[in-house]
Amino acid sequence: MEQTTHRSAAVRDGLGVGLAVGLSGLAFGAAAITAGLSVAQACVLSLLAFTGASQFALAGAVGAGGDLMAAAAGALLLGGRNTLYGLRLADLLRVRGPRRLLAAQGVIDETTAVTLAQPSPEAARVGFTTTFASLYVTWNLTTLAGALGTSFLGDPGMFGLDAVGPATFLAILWPRLAGSVQLRWLAVAGAAVALCATPFFPPGVPVLLSAVVVLAVLAR
């Protein structure tokens, strides 16, 4: 009975987080089109990258006229934290064989948070699966909707949609920053590095440099 209650709670947690966060895909779809990406490119990013912070960072760097390689490198560095999450979740999920590739795709901030909040390993696996499935489907559907809707507007900048990406990126980060003084100082340091580098490097490189600094600090 207790196990059933834990599983039900894990499903509710996973669906709640997945659907709520997945709606941010609308903002990413709009931001990607505003940055100059096509609908297909926006959708492929959501299907393959599936990590909001990295996707918004890449779209922002490309939209500012940055080099695609530098923008992609910065996005990969931001997504590097998911590797650390994977190490933490490996013992809980106990995924073996080819399924590990699929599970690795789902290791992001939200799935990690729901998984680690569960009281038992079984509930943790249910929470991970539910969060991953609901968030992946919702994020990709809303990315498509946001990209298609924005592509029909002509010049998205006329409607102020160029501010959607940065605003949503900040909204995603804010709960984490509000809960940790250390993360706030780390964010300030990363922003300072990017601002100082901006006059001397092309768009995309300052974000890459700040990501390197932040990951170096986290690694310590």
N, C-alpha and C. Protein backbone atom coordinates (compact mmCIF):
# COMPACT_ATOMS: atom_id res chain seq x y z
N MET A 1 0.83 -1.20 0.00
CA MET A 1 0.00 0.00 0.00
C MET A 1 0.86 1.26 0.00
N GLU A 2 1.88 1.24 0.85
CA GLU A 2 2.77 2.40 0.94
C GLU A 2 3.52 2.61 -0.37
N GLN A 3 3.94 1.49 -1.00
CA GLN A 3 4.65 1.60 -2.27
C GLN A 3 3.75 2.18 -3.36
N THR A 4 2.49 1.76 -3.35
CA THR A 4 1.53 2.29 -4.33
C THR A 4 1.33 3.79 -4.12
N THR A 5 1.27 4.22 -2.88
CA THR A 5 1.12 5.65 -2.58
C THR A 5 2.33 6.43 -3.06
N HIS A 6 3.52 5.87 -2.85
CA HIS A 6 4.74 6.53 -3.30
C HIS A 6 4.79 6.64 -4.82
N ARG A 7 4.37 5.57 -5.49
CA ARG A 7 4.36 5.60 -6.96
C ARG A 7 3.37 6.63 -7.48
N SER A 8 2.20 6.69 -6.87
CA SER A 8 1.19 7.66 -7.30
C SER A 8 1.68 9.09 -7.09
N ALA A 9 2.33 9.32 -5.96
CA ALA A 9 2.88 10.65 -5.69
C ALA A 9 3.96 11.00 -6.69
N ALA A 10 4.78 10.01 -7.07
CA ALA A 10 5.85 10.25 -8.04
C ALA A 10 5.28 10.60 -9.41
N VAL A 11 4.18 9.92 -9.79
CA VAL A 11 3.52 10.22 -11.06
C VAL A 11 2.97 11.64 -11.04
N ARG A 12 2.33 12.03 -9.93
CA ARG A 12 1.79 13.39 -9.84
C ARG A 12 2.91 14.43 -9.92
N ASP A 13 3.99 14.17 -9.21
CA ASP A 13 5.13 15.11 -9.26
C ASP A 13 5.68 15.23 -10.67
N GLY A 14 5.85 14.09 -11.31
CA GLY A 14 6.42 14.09 -12.65
C GLY A 14 5.55 14.79 -13.67
N LEU A 15 4.25 14.51 -13.63
CA LEU A 15 3.33 15.16 -14.56
C LEU A 15 3.25 16.66 -14.31
N GLY A 16 3.21 17.04 -13.03
CA GLY A 16 3.12 18.46 -12.70
C GLY A 16 4.32 19.24 -13.21
N VAL A 17 5.51 18.72 -12.94
CA VAL A 17 6.73 19.39 -13.39
C VAL A 17 6.85 19.34 -14.91
N GLY A 18 6.58 18.19 -15.49
CA GLY A 18 6.73 18.03 -16.93
C GLY A 18 5.83 18.96 -17.72
N LEU A 19 4.57 19.04 -17.33
CA LEU A 19 3.63 19.89 -18.06
C LEU A 19 3.91 21.38 -17.83
N ALA A 20 4.23 21.73 -16.59
CA ALA A 20 4.47 23.15 -16.28
C ALA A 20 5.71 23.68 -16.99
N VAL A 21 6.82 22.94 -16.88
CA VAL A 21 8.06 23.39 -17.50
C VAL A 21 8.00 23.23 -19.01
N GLY A 22 7.30 22.21 -19.48
CA GLY A 22 7.21 21.98 -20.92
C GLY A 22 6.59 23.13 -21.68
N LEU A 23 5.74 23.90 -21.03
CA LEU A 23 5.11 25.03 -21.70
C LEU A 23 6.12 26.11 -22.08
N SER A 24 7.30 26.10 -21.45
CA SER A 24 8.35 27.06 -21.81
C SER A 24 8.86 26.81 -23.23
N GLY A 25 8.55 25.65 -23.78
CA GLY A 25 8.92 25.39 -25.17
C GLY A 25 8.32 26.40 -26.13
N LEU A 26 7.17 26.97 -25.78
CA LEU A 26 6.58 28.04 -26.60
C LEU A 26 7.55 29.20 -26.73
N ALA A 27 8.14 29.58 -25.61
CA ALA A 27 9.09 30.70 -25.60
C ALA A 27 10.35 30.34 -26.39
N PHE A 28 10.81 29.09 -26.26
CA PHE A 28 12.00 28.72 -27.03
C PHE A 28 11.71 28.74 -28.52
N GLY A 29 10.56 28.21 -28.92
CA GLY A 29 10.21 28.23 -30.34
C GLY A 29 10.19 29.65 -30.89
N ALA A 30 9.61 30.58 -30.12
CA ALA A 30 9.57 31.99 -30.53
C ALA A 30 10.97 32.59 -30.57
N ALA A 31 11.78 32.28 -29.55
CA ALA A 31 13.14 32.82 -29.48
C ALA A 31 14.00 32.30 -30.63
N ALA A 32 13.82 31.03 -30.98
CA ALA A 32 14.62 30.45 -32.06
C ALA A 32 14.31 31.12 -33.39
N ILE A 33 13.04 31.33 -33.68
CA ILE A 33 12.66 31.99 -34.94
C ILE A 33 13.15 33.42 -34.94
N THR A 34 13.03 34.11 -33.81
CA THR A 34 13.51 35.49 -33.71
C THR A 34 15.02 35.56 -33.94
N ALA A 35 15.74 34.53 -33.52
CA ALA A 35 17.19 34.50 -33.68
C ALA A 35 17.61 34.18 -35.11
N GLY A 36 16.65 33.79 -35.95
CA GLY A 36 16.97 33.50 -37.34
C GLY A 36 17.00 32.04 -37.69
N LEU A 37 16.66 31.17 -36.75
CA LEU A 37 16.60 29.74 -37.05
C LEU A 37 15.29 29.42 -37.75
N SER A 38 15.26 28.32 -38.46
CA SER A 38 14.03 27.88 -39.11
C SER A 38 13.19 27.06 -38.14
N VAL A 39 11.95 26.79 -38.53
CA VAL A 39 11.08 25.95 -37.70
C VAL A 39 11.70 24.57 -37.53
N ALA A 40 12.22 24.02 -38.61
CA ALA A 40 12.83 22.69 -38.54
C ALA A 40 14.04 22.69 -37.61
N GLN A 41 14.89 23.72 -37.70
CA GLN A 41 16.06 23.78 -36.83
C GLN A 41 15.66 23.89 -35.36
N ALA A 42 14.64 24.69 -35.07
CA ALA A 42 14.17 24.82 -33.69
C ALA A 42 13.68 23.47 -33.16
N CYS A 43 12.94 22.75 -33.98
CA CYS A 43 12.39 21.46 -33.54
C CYS A 43 13.49 20.41 -33.36
N VAL A 44 14.46 20.39 -34.26
CA VAL A 44 15.57 19.44 -34.13
C VAL A 44 16.36 19.71 -32.86
N LEU A 45 16.56 21.00 -32.53
CA LEU A 45 17.26 21.34 -31.29
C LEU A 45 16.53 20.79 -30.08
N SER A 46 15.21 20.94 -30.06
CA SER A 46 14.44 20.44 -28.92
C SER A 46 14.43 18.92 -28.87
N LEU A 47 14.40 18.29 -30.02
CA LEU A 47 14.39 16.83 -30.05
C LEU A 47 15.71 16.23 -29.61
N LEU A 48 16.82 16.84 -30.03
CA LEU A 48 18.14 16.25 -29.78
C LEU A 48 18.85 16.83 -28.57
N ALA A 49 18.75 18.14 -28.39
CA ALA A 49 19.44 18.77 -27.26
C ALA A 49 18.65 18.59 -25.97
N PHE A 50 17.40 18.98 -25.99
CA PHE A 50 16.48 18.80 -24.87
C PHE A 50 17.07 19.26 -23.54
N THR A 51 17.57 20.47 -23.53
CA THR A 51 17.99 21.10 -22.28
C THR A 51 17.80 22.60 -22.45
N GLY A 52 16.82 23.15 -21.76
CA GLY A 52 16.37 24.51 -22.01
C GLY A 52 17.45 25.56 -21.94
N ALA A 53 18.28 25.52 -20.89
CA ALA A 53 19.32 26.54 -20.72
C ALA A 53 20.26 26.57 -21.92
N SER A 54 20.69 25.40 -22.37
CA SER A 54 21.61 25.33 -23.51
C SER A 54 20.93 25.80 -24.79
N GLN A 55 19.67 25.44 -24.97
CA GLN A 55 18.97 25.84 -26.18
C GLN A 55 18.77 27.34 -26.24
N PHE A 56 18.37 27.94 -25.12
CA PHE A 56 18.19 29.39 -25.09
C PHE A 56 19.53 30.11 -25.30
N ALA A 57 20.60 29.57 -24.71
CA ALA A 57 21.91 30.19 -24.87
C ALA A 57 22.36 30.14 -26.32
N LEU A 58 22.15 29.02 -26.98
CA LEU A 58 22.54 28.89 -28.38
C LEU A 58 21.74 29.85 -29.26
N ALA A 59 20.42 29.87 -29.05
CA ALA A 59 19.58 30.76 -29.85
C ALA A 59 19.96 32.22 -29.62
N GLY A 60 20.26 32.59 -28.38
CA GLY A 60 20.63 33.96 -28.08
C GLY A 60 21.94 34.36 -28.74
N ALA A 61 22.92 33.45 -28.72
CA ALA A 61 24.21 33.74 -29.34
C ALA A 61 24.08 33.86 -30.85
N VAL A 62 23.31 32.97 -31.46
CA VAL A 62 23.10 33.03 -32.91
C VAL A 62 22.34 34.30 -33.27
N GLY A 63 21.33 34.64 -32.47
CA GLY A 63 20.55 35.85 -32.74
C GLY A 63 21.38 37.11 -32.66
N ALA A 64 22.43 37.10 -31.83
CA ALA A 64 23.30 38.27 -31.69
C ALA A 64 24.36 38.32 -32.79
N GLY A 65 24.32 37.36 -33.71
CA GLY A 65 25.28 37.35 -34.80
C GLY A 65 26.53 36.57 -34.52
N GLY A 66 26.48 35.72 -33.50
CA GLY A 66 27.67 34.98 -33.10
C GLY A 66 27.98 33.82 -34.03
N ASP A 67 29.20 33.34 -33.91
CA ASP A 67 29.65 32.18 -34.67
C ASP A 67 28.93 30.94 -34.17
N LEU A 68 28.45 30.12 -35.11
CA LEU A 68 27.66 28.95 -34.74
C LEU A 68 28.47 27.96 -33.91
N MET A 69 29.75 27.81 -34.23
CA MET A 69 30.58 26.85 -33.49
C MET A 69 30.78 27.31 -32.04
N ALA A 70 31.01 28.62 -31.85
CA ALA A 70 31.19 29.14 -30.50
C ALA A 70 29.89 29.02 -29.72
N ALA A 71 28.75 29.31 -30.39
CA ALA A 71 27.46 29.20 -29.73
C ALA A 71 27.18 27.76 -29.31
N ALA A 72 27.50 26.81 -30.21
CA ALA A 72 27.27 25.40 -29.90
C ALA A 72 28.18 24.93 -28.77
N ALA A 73 29.43 25.41 -28.77
CA ALA A 73 30.36 25.02 -27.71
C ALA A 73 29.88 25.53 -26.36
N GLY A 74 29.38 26.77 -26.32
CA GLY A 74 28.84 27.31 -25.08
C GLY A 74 27.64 26.53 -24.60
N ALA A 75 26.77 26.14 -25.53
CA ALA A 75 25.59 25.36 -25.16
C ALA A 75 26.00 23.99 -24.62
N LEU A 76 27.02 23.38 -25.22
CA LEU A 76 27.49 22.07 -24.74
C LEU A 76 28.07 22.18 -23.34
N LEU A 77 28.79 23.26 -23.09
CA LEU A 77 29.36 23.43 -21.75
C LEU A 77 28.26 23.61 -20.71
N LEU A 78 27.24 24.38 -21.05
CA LEU A 78 26.13 24.54 -20.12
C LEU A 78 25.42 23.22 -19.85
N GLY A 79 25.35 22.39 -20.89
CA GLY A 79 24.72 21.09 -20.73
C GLY A 79 25.60 20.07 -20.04
N GLY A 80 26.87 20.42 -19.83
CA GLY A 80 27.80 19.48 -19.20
C GLY A 80 27.42 19.09 -17.79
N ARG A 81 26.65 19.96 -17.11
CA ARG A 81 26.24 19.63 -15.74
C ARG A 81 25.36 18.39 -15.69
N ASN A 82 24.69 18.08 -16.82
CA ASN A 82 23.83 16.90 -16.84
C ASN A 82 24.63 15.62 -16.66
N THR A 83 25.92 15.65 -17.05
CA THR A 83 26.78 14.49 -16.83
C THR A 83 26.93 14.21 -15.34
N LEU A 84 27.08 15.28 -14.56
CA LEU A 84 27.18 15.12 -13.11
C LEU A 84 25.88 14.57 -12.54
N TYR A 85 24.75 15.04 -13.06
CA TYR A 85 23.46 14.49 -12.62
C TYR A 85 23.39 13.00 -12.91
N GLY A 86 23.88 12.61 -14.11
CA GLY A 86 23.83 11.21 -14.49
C GLY A 86 24.60 10.32 -13.54
N LEU A 87 25.74 10.80 -13.07
CA LEU A 87 26.52 10.02 -12.11
C LEU A 87 25.74 9.82 -10.81
N ARG A 88 25.01 10.85 -10.43
CA ARG A 88 24.24 10.76 -9.18
C ARG A 88 23.04 9.84 -9.33
N LEU A 89 22.44 9.81 -10.51
CA LEU A 89 21.21 9.03 -10.72
C LEU A 89 21.46 7.58 -11.12
N ALA A 90 22.67 7.27 -11.49
CA ALA A 90 22.95 5.93 -12.03
C ALA A 90 22.54 4.82 -11.07
N ASP A 91 22.87 4.96 -9.79
CA ASP A 91 22.54 3.91 -8.82
C ASP A 91 21.04 3.80 -8.58
N LEU A 92 20.33 4.93 -8.69
CA LEU A 92 18.89 4.90 -8.47
C LEU A 92 18.15 4.29 -9.65
N LEU A 93 18.52 4.68 -10.87
CA LEU A 93 17.77 4.24 -12.04
C LEU A 93 18.11 2.82 -12.46
N ARG A 94 19.37 2.44 -12.29
CA ARG A 94 19.81 1.07 -12.61
C ARG A 94 19.43 0.66 -14.02
N VAL A 95 19.66 1.52 -14.97
CA VAL A 95 19.35 1.24 -16.37
C VAL A 95 20.53 0.53 -17.00
N ARG A 96 20.26 -0.50 -17.76
CA ARG A 96 21.31 -1.29 -18.38
C ARG A 96 21.08 -1.39 -19.89
N GLY A 97 22.16 -1.68 -20.61
CA GLY A 97 22.05 -1.92 -22.04
C GLY A 97 21.74 -0.68 -22.85
N PRO A 98 21.14 -0.87 -24.03
CA PRO A 98 20.83 0.25 -24.92
C PRO A 98 19.90 1.29 -24.30
N ARG A 99 19.12 0.89 -23.30
CA ARG A 99 18.21 1.83 -22.67
C ARG A 99 18.94 2.97 -21.97
N ARG A 100 20.22 2.78 -21.69
CA ARG A 100 20.99 3.83 -21.04
C ARG A 100 21.08 5.07 -21.92
N LEU A 101 21.12 4.88 -23.25
CA LEU A 101 21.17 6.02 -24.16
C LEU A 101 19.89 6.85 -24.05
N LEU A 102 18.75 6.16 -23.98
CA LEU A 102 17.49 6.87 -23.84
C LEU A 102 17.41 7.57 -22.49
N ALA A 103 17.82 6.87 -21.44
CA ALA A 103 17.78 7.48 -20.11
C ALA A 103 18.70 8.69 -20.03
N ALA A 104 19.86 8.63 -20.69
CA ALA A 104 20.80 9.75 -20.67
C ALA A 104 20.18 11.00 -21.28
N GLN A 105 19.36 10.81 -22.30
CA GLN A 105 18.68 11.95 -22.93
C GLN A 105 17.76 12.66 -21.94
N GLY A 106 17.25 11.92 -20.97
CA GLY A 106 16.28 12.50 -20.04
C GLY A 106 16.89 13.05 -18.77
N VAL A 107 18.21 12.98 -18.63
CA VAL A 107 18.85 13.48 -17.40
C VAL A 107 19.05 15.00 -17.51
N ILE A 108 18.14 15.75 -16.93
CA ILE A 108 18.20 17.21 -16.93
C ILE A 108 17.83 17.70 -15.52
N ASP A 109 17.79 19.00 -15.35
CA ASP A 109 17.50 19.57 -14.03
C ASP A 109 16.20 19.03 -13.43
N GLU A 110 15.13 19.09 -14.23
CA GLU A 110 13.80 18.77 -13.70
C GLU A 110 13.66 17.29 -13.35
N THR A 111 14.14 16.41 -14.23
CA THR A 111 14.03 14.97 -13.93
C THR A 111 14.88 14.61 -12.72
N THR A 112 16.04 15.24 -12.60
CA THR A 112 16.90 14.98 -11.44
C THR A 112 16.23 15.41 -10.15
N ALA A 113 15.62 16.60 -10.18
CA ALA A 113 14.97 17.12 -8.97
C ALA A 113 13.83 16.21 -8.52
N VAL A 114 12.99 15.78 -9.46
CA VAL A 114 11.86 14.91 -9.11
C VAL A 114 12.36 13.55 -8.63
N THR A 115 13.35 13.00 -9.29
CA THR A 115 13.88 11.68 -8.93
C THR A 115 14.44 11.67 -7.52
N LEU A 116 15.26 12.67 -7.21
CA LEU A 116 15.91 12.69 -5.91
C LEU A 116 14.96 13.05 -4.77
N ALA A 117 13.79 13.58 -5.11
CA ALA A 117 12.82 13.95 -4.08
C ALA A 117 11.97 12.77 -3.62
N GLN A 118 12.09 11.62 -4.29
CA GLN A 118 11.24 10.48 -3.96
C GLN A 118 11.80 9.69 -2.78
N PRO A 119 10.91 9.04 -2.01
CA PRO A 119 11.34 8.36 -0.78
C PRO A 119 11.91 6.96 -0.99
N SER A 120 11.77 6.39 -2.19
CA SER A 120 12.26 5.03 -2.41
C SER A 120 12.81 4.91 -3.83
N PRO A 121 13.71 3.95 -4.07
CA PRO A 121 14.27 3.77 -5.42
C PRO A 121 13.20 3.50 -6.48
N GLU A 122 12.19 2.72 -6.13
CA GLU A 122 11.12 2.43 -7.09
C GLU A 122 10.37 3.69 -7.46
N ALA A 123 10.01 4.49 -6.45
CA ALA A 123 9.31 5.74 -6.71
C ALA A 123 10.21 6.70 -7.49
N ALA A 124 11.51 6.65 -7.23
CA ALA A 124 12.45 7.51 -7.96
C ALA A 124 12.44 7.17 -9.44
N ARG A 125 12.41 5.88 -9.77
CA ARG A 125 12.39 5.48 -11.18
C ARG A 125 11.08 5.88 -11.84
N VAL A 126 9.99 5.75 -11.12
CA VAL A 126 8.69 6.18 -11.67
C VAL A 126 8.68 7.69 -11.89
N GLY A 127 9.21 8.43 -10.92
CA GLY A 127 9.27 9.88 -11.05
C GLY A 127 10.11 10.32 -12.23
N PHE A 128 11.25 9.66 -12.41
CA PHE A 128 12.13 10.00 -13.54
C PHE A 128 11.42 9.75 -14.87
N THR A 129 10.85 8.56 -15.01
CA THR A 129 10.20 8.20 -16.27
C THR A 129 9.04 9.12 -16.59
N THR A 130 8.21 9.41 -15.59
CA THR A 130 7.04 10.27 -15.81
C THR A 130 7.45 11.68 -16.17
N THR A 131 8.43 12.22 -15.45
CA THR A 131 8.88 13.58 -15.73
C THR A 131 9.50 13.67 -17.12
N PHE A 132 10.36 12.73 -17.44
CA PHE A 132 11.01 12.72 -18.75
C PHE A 132 9.99 12.64 -19.87
N ALA A 133 9.06 11.69 -19.78
CA ALA A 133 8.09 11.49 -20.86
C ALA A 133 7.19 12.72 -21.03
N SER A 134 6.63 13.22 -19.93
CA SER A 134 5.69 14.35 -20.04
C SER A 134 6.40 15.62 -20.47
N LEU A 135 7.61 15.85 -19.95
CA LEU A 135 8.34 17.05 -20.32
C LEU A 135 8.84 16.99 -21.76
N TYR A 136 9.32 15.84 -22.18
CA TYR A 136 9.85 15.72 -23.55
C TYR A 136 8.75 15.95 -24.57
N VAL A 137 7.61 15.32 -24.37
CA VAL A 137 6.50 15.47 -25.31
C VAL A 137 5.99 16.91 -25.30
N THR A 138 5.77 17.47 -24.12
CA THR A 138 5.23 18.83 -24.03
C THR A 138 6.21 19.84 -24.60
N TRP A 139 7.48 19.71 -24.24
CA TRP A 139 8.49 20.66 -24.71
C TRP A 139 8.58 20.68 -26.23
N ASN A 140 8.57 19.50 -26.84
CA ASN A 140 8.69 19.44 -28.29
C ASN A 140 7.44 19.92 -29.01
N LEU A 141 6.28 19.61 -28.47
CA LEU A 141 5.04 20.09 -29.09
C LEU A 141 4.93 21.62 -28.98
N THR A 142 5.29 22.16 -27.83
CA THR A 142 5.19 23.61 -27.66
C THR A 142 6.29 24.34 -28.43
N THR A 143 7.45 23.71 -28.60
CA THR A 143 8.48 24.30 -29.47
C THR A 143 7.96 24.46 -30.88
N LEU A 144 7.32 23.41 -31.38
CA LEU A 144 6.74 23.46 -32.72
C LEU A 144 5.67 24.54 -32.81
N ALA A 145 4.80 24.60 -31.80
CA ALA A 145 3.73 25.60 -31.82
C ALA A 145 4.29 27.02 -31.75
N GLY A 146 5.27 27.24 -30.88
CA GLY A 146 5.87 28.57 -30.76
C GLY A 146 6.61 28.99 -32.02
N ALA A 147 7.32 28.04 -32.62
CA ALA A 147 8.07 28.35 -33.84
C ALA A 147 7.14 28.63 -35.01
N LEU A 148 6.11 27.80 -35.18
CA LEU A 148 5.16 28.02 -36.27
C LEU A 148 4.41 29.34 -36.09
N GLY A 149 3.95 29.58 -34.87
CA GLY A 149 3.20 30.82 -34.63
C GLY A 149 4.05 32.05 -34.89
N THR A 150 5.30 32.03 -34.45
CA THR A 150 6.17 33.19 -34.64
C THR A 150 6.55 33.37 -36.10
N SER A 151 6.71 32.26 -36.84
CA SER A 151 7.12 32.36 -38.24
C SER A 151 6.06 33.04 -39.10
N PHE A 152 4.80 33.05 -38.64
CA PHE A 152 3.74 33.69 -39.41
C PHE A 152 3.61 35.18 -39.14
N LEU A 153 4.40 35.70 -38.22
CA LEU A 153 4.26 37.10 -37.82
C LEU A 153 5.07 38.06 -38.68
N GLY A 154 5.92 37.53 -39.54
CA GLY A 154 6.76 38.42 -40.32
C GLY A 154 8.02 38.74 -39.55
N ASP A 155 8.10 39.97 -39.03
CA ASP A 155 9.26 40.39 -38.23
C ASP A 155 8.89 40.28 -36.75
N PRO A 156 9.35 39.24 -36.04
CA PRO A 156 8.97 39.06 -34.64
C PRO A 156 9.42 40.21 -33.75
N GLY A 157 10.52 40.89 -34.15
CA GLY A 157 11.03 41.98 -33.33
C GLY A 157 10.03 43.11 -33.19
N MET A 158 9.14 43.27 -34.17
CA MET A 158 8.13 44.34 -34.10
C MET A 158 7.15 44.10 -32.96
N PHE A 159 7.02 42.88 -32.52
CA PHE A 159 6.08 42.54 -31.45
C PHE A 159 6.79 42.35 -30.10
N GLY A 160 8.07 42.64 -30.08
CA GLY A 160 8.82 42.51 -28.84
C GLY A 160 9.18 41.08 -28.49
N LEU A 161 9.06 40.17 -29.44
CA LEU A 161 9.33 38.76 -29.14
C LEU A 161 10.82 38.48 -29.00
N ASP A 162 11.67 39.45 -29.38
CA ASP A 162 13.10 39.23 -29.19
C ASP A 162 13.49 39.22 -27.72
N ALA A 163 12.57 39.70 -26.87
CA ALA A 163 12.84 39.68 -25.42
C ALA A 163 12.32 38.42 -24.74
N VAL A 164 11.58 37.59 -25.48
CA VAL A 164 10.98 36.41 -24.88
C VAL A 164 12.04 35.42 -24.40
N GLY A 165 13.04 35.16 -25.25
CA GLY A 165 14.07 34.20 -24.90
C GLY A 165 14.82 34.55 -23.63
N PRO A 166 15.43 35.76 -23.56
CA PRO A 166 16.14 36.12 -22.32
C PRO A 166 15.24 36.13 -21.09
N ALA A 167 14.00 36.60 -21.25
CA ALA A 167 13.09 36.66 -20.10
C ALA A 167 12.76 35.27 -19.59
N THR A 168 12.50 34.34 -20.50
CA THR A 168 12.18 32.97 -20.09
C THR A 168 13.39 32.27 -19.51
N PHE A 169 14.56 32.52 -20.09
CA PHE A 169 15.80 31.96 -19.56
C PHE A 169 16.00 32.38 -18.11
N LEU A 170 15.76 33.68 -17.83
CA LEU A 170 15.88 34.18 -16.47
C LEU A 170 14.83 33.55 -15.56
N ALA A 171 13.62 33.37 -16.08
CA ALA A 171 12.56 32.75 -15.27
C ALA A 171 12.89 31.31 -14.90
N ILE A 172 13.56 30.59 -15.82
CA ILE A 172 13.96 29.21 -15.54
C ILE A 172 15.04 29.18 -14.46
N LEU A 173 15.97 30.14 -14.52
CA LEU A 173 17.08 30.15 -13.58
C LEU A 173 16.71 30.71 -12.22
N TRP A 174 15.72 31.61 -12.18
CA TRP A 174 15.47 32.36 -10.96
C TRP A 174 15.20 31.50 -9.72
N PRO A 175 14.38 30.44 -9.79
CA PRO A 175 14.15 29.63 -8.59
C PRO A 175 15.43 29.06 -8.00
N ARG A 176 16.39 28.69 -8.86
CA ARG A 176 17.66 28.16 -8.36
C ARG A 176 18.50 29.27 -7.73
N LEU A 177 18.50 30.44 -8.36
CA LEU A 177 19.28 31.56 -7.82
C LEU A 177 18.70 32.04 -6.50
N ALA A 178 17.38 32.05 -6.41
CA ALA A 178 16.73 32.54 -5.19
C ALA A 178 17.00 31.63 -4.00
N GLY A 179 17.29 30.37 -4.26
CA GLY A 179 17.47 29.42 -3.17
C GLY A 179 18.90 29.21 -2.73
N SER A 180 19.86 29.91 -3.36
CA SER A 180 21.26 29.67 -3.03
C SER A 180 22.09 30.94 -3.20
N VAL A 181 22.69 31.39 -2.10
CA VAL A 181 23.58 32.56 -2.17
C VAL A 181 24.80 32.24 -3.04
N GLN A 182 25.33 31.03 -2.91
CA GLN A 182 26.51 30.65 -3.69
C GLN A 182 26.23 30.69 -5.18
N LEU A 183 25.04 30.19 -5.57
CA LEU A 183 24.70 30.22 -7.00
C LEU A 183 24.51 31.65 -7.50
N ARG A 184 24.01 32.53 -6.64
CA ARG A 184 23.85 33.93 -7.04
C ARG A 184 25.21 34.57 -7.31
N TRP A 185 26.16 34.32 -6.42
CA TRP A 185 27.50 34.86 -6.63
C TRP A 185 28.16 34.25 -7.86
N LEU A 186 27.89 32.97 -8.09
CA LEU A 186 28.45 32.31 -9.27
C LEU A 186 27.86 32.91 -10.55
N ALA A 187 26.55 33.20 -10.51
CA ALA A 187 25.90 33.81 -11.67
C ALA A 187 26.45 35.21 -11.93
N VAL A 188 26.67 35.97 -10.85
CA VAL A 188 27.23 37.32 -10.99
C VAL A 188 28.63 37.25 -11.60
N ALA A 189 29.42 36.29 -11.13
CA ALA A 189 30.78 36.13 -11.67
C ALA A 189 30.75 35.77 -13.15
N GLY A 190 29.85 34.84 -13.53
CA GLY A 190 29.74 34.46 -14.93
C GLY A 190 29.29 35.62 -15.80
N ALA A 191 28.33 36.41 -15.30
CA ALA A 191 27.86 37.58 -16.05
C ALA A 191 28.97 38.61 -16.19
N ALA A 192 29.77 38.80 -15.14
CA ALA A 192 30.87 39.77 -15.19
C ALA A 192 31.90 39.36 -16.24
N VAL A 193 32.22 38.06 -16.29
CA VAL A 193 33.17 37.57 -17.29
C VAL A 193 32.63 37.84 -18.70
N ALA A 194 31.35 37.54 -18.92
CA ALA A 194 30.75 37.74 -20.24
C ALA A 194 30.75 39.22 -20.63
N LEU A 195 30.39 40.09 -19.68
CA LEU A 195 30.35 41.52 -19.97
C LEU A 195 31.74 42.07 -20.28
N CYS A 196 32.74 41.65 -19.51
CA CYS A 196 34.11 42.13 -19.74
C CYS A 196 34.66 41.63 -21.08
N ALA A 197 34.24 40.43 -21.49
CA ALA A 197 34.75 39.85 -22.73
C ALA A 197 34.04 40.38 -23.97
N THR A 198 32.82 40.90 -23.79
CA THR A 198 32.00 41.31 -24.94
C THR A 198 32.69 42.32 -25.86
N PRO A 199 33.37 43.35 -25.36
CA PRO A 199 34.00 44.32 -26.29
C PRO A 199 35.14 43.73 -27.11
N PHE A 200 35.69 42.60 -26.68
CA PHE A 200 36.91 42.08 -27.30
C PHE A 200 36.70 40.81 -28.12
N PHE A 201 35.53 40.18 -27.99
CA PHE A 201 35.30 38.92 -28.69
C PHE A 201 33.99 38.98 -29.47
N PRO A 202 33.86 38.17 -30.53
CA PRO A 202 32.61 38.12 -31.29
C PRO A 202 31.49 37.50 -30.47
N PRO A 203 30.21 37.75 -30.84
CA PRO A 203 29.08 37.19 -30.10
C PRO A 203 29.18 35.67 -30.00
N GLY A 204 28.84 35.17 -28.85
CA GLY A 204 28.90 33.74 -28.60
C GLY A 204 30.11 33.34 -27.79
N VAL A 205 31.24 33.96 -28.05
CA VAL A 205 32.47 33.63 -27.32
C VAL A 205 32.40 34.07 -25.85
N PRO A 206 31.88 35.28 -25.53
CA PRO A 206 31.77 35.65 -24.11
C PRO A 206 30.95 34.66 -23.29
N VAL A 207 29.88 34.15 -23.87
CA VAL A 207 29.07 33.14 -23.17
C VAL A 207 29.88 31.87 -22.95
N LEU A 208 30.67 31.49 -23.96
CA LEU A 208 31.52 30.31 -23.86
C LEU A 208 32.55 30.49 -22.73
N LEU A 209 33.17 31.67 -22.66
CA LEU A 209 34.16 31.93 -21.63
C LEU A 209 33.54 31.90 -20.23
N SER A 210 32.36 32.51 -20.09
CA SER A 210 31.71 32.51 -18.78
C SER A 210 31.31 31.11 -18.36
N ALA A 211 30.89 30.29 -19.33
CA ALA A 211 30.52 28.90 -19.02
C ALA A 211 31.74 28.11 -18.54
N VAL A 212 32.90 28.36 -19.16
CA VAL A 212 34.13 27.70 -18.75
C VAL A 212 34.47 28.05 -17.31
N VAL A 213 34.34 29.33 -16.99
CA VAL A 213 34.65 29.79 -15.62
C VAL A 213 33.71 29.15 -14.61
N VAL A 214 32.41 29.14 -14.92
CA VAL A 214 31.43 28.57 -13.99
C VAL A 214 31.67 27.08 -13.80
N LEU A 215 31.93 26.35 -14.86
CA LEU A 215 32.17 24.90 -14.73
C LEU A 215 33.46 24.62 -13.97
N ALA A 216 34.48 25.48 -14.16
CA ALA A 216 35.72 25.30 -13.43
C ALA A 216 35.50 25.45 -11.93
N VAL A 217 34.66 26.43 -11.54
CA VAL A 217 34.36 26.63 -10.14
C VAL A 217 33.56 25.46 -9.57
N LEU A 218 32.56 25.00 -10.35
CA LEU A 218 31.75 23.87 -9.89
C LEU A 218 32.60 22.60 -9.75
N ALA A 219 33.56 22.42 -10.64
CA ALA A 219 34.39 21.24 -10.59
C ALA A 219 35.24 21.20 -9.32
N ARG A 220 35.59 22.37 -8.81
CA ARG A 220 36.38 22.43 -7.58
C ARG A 220 35.56 22.02 -6.37
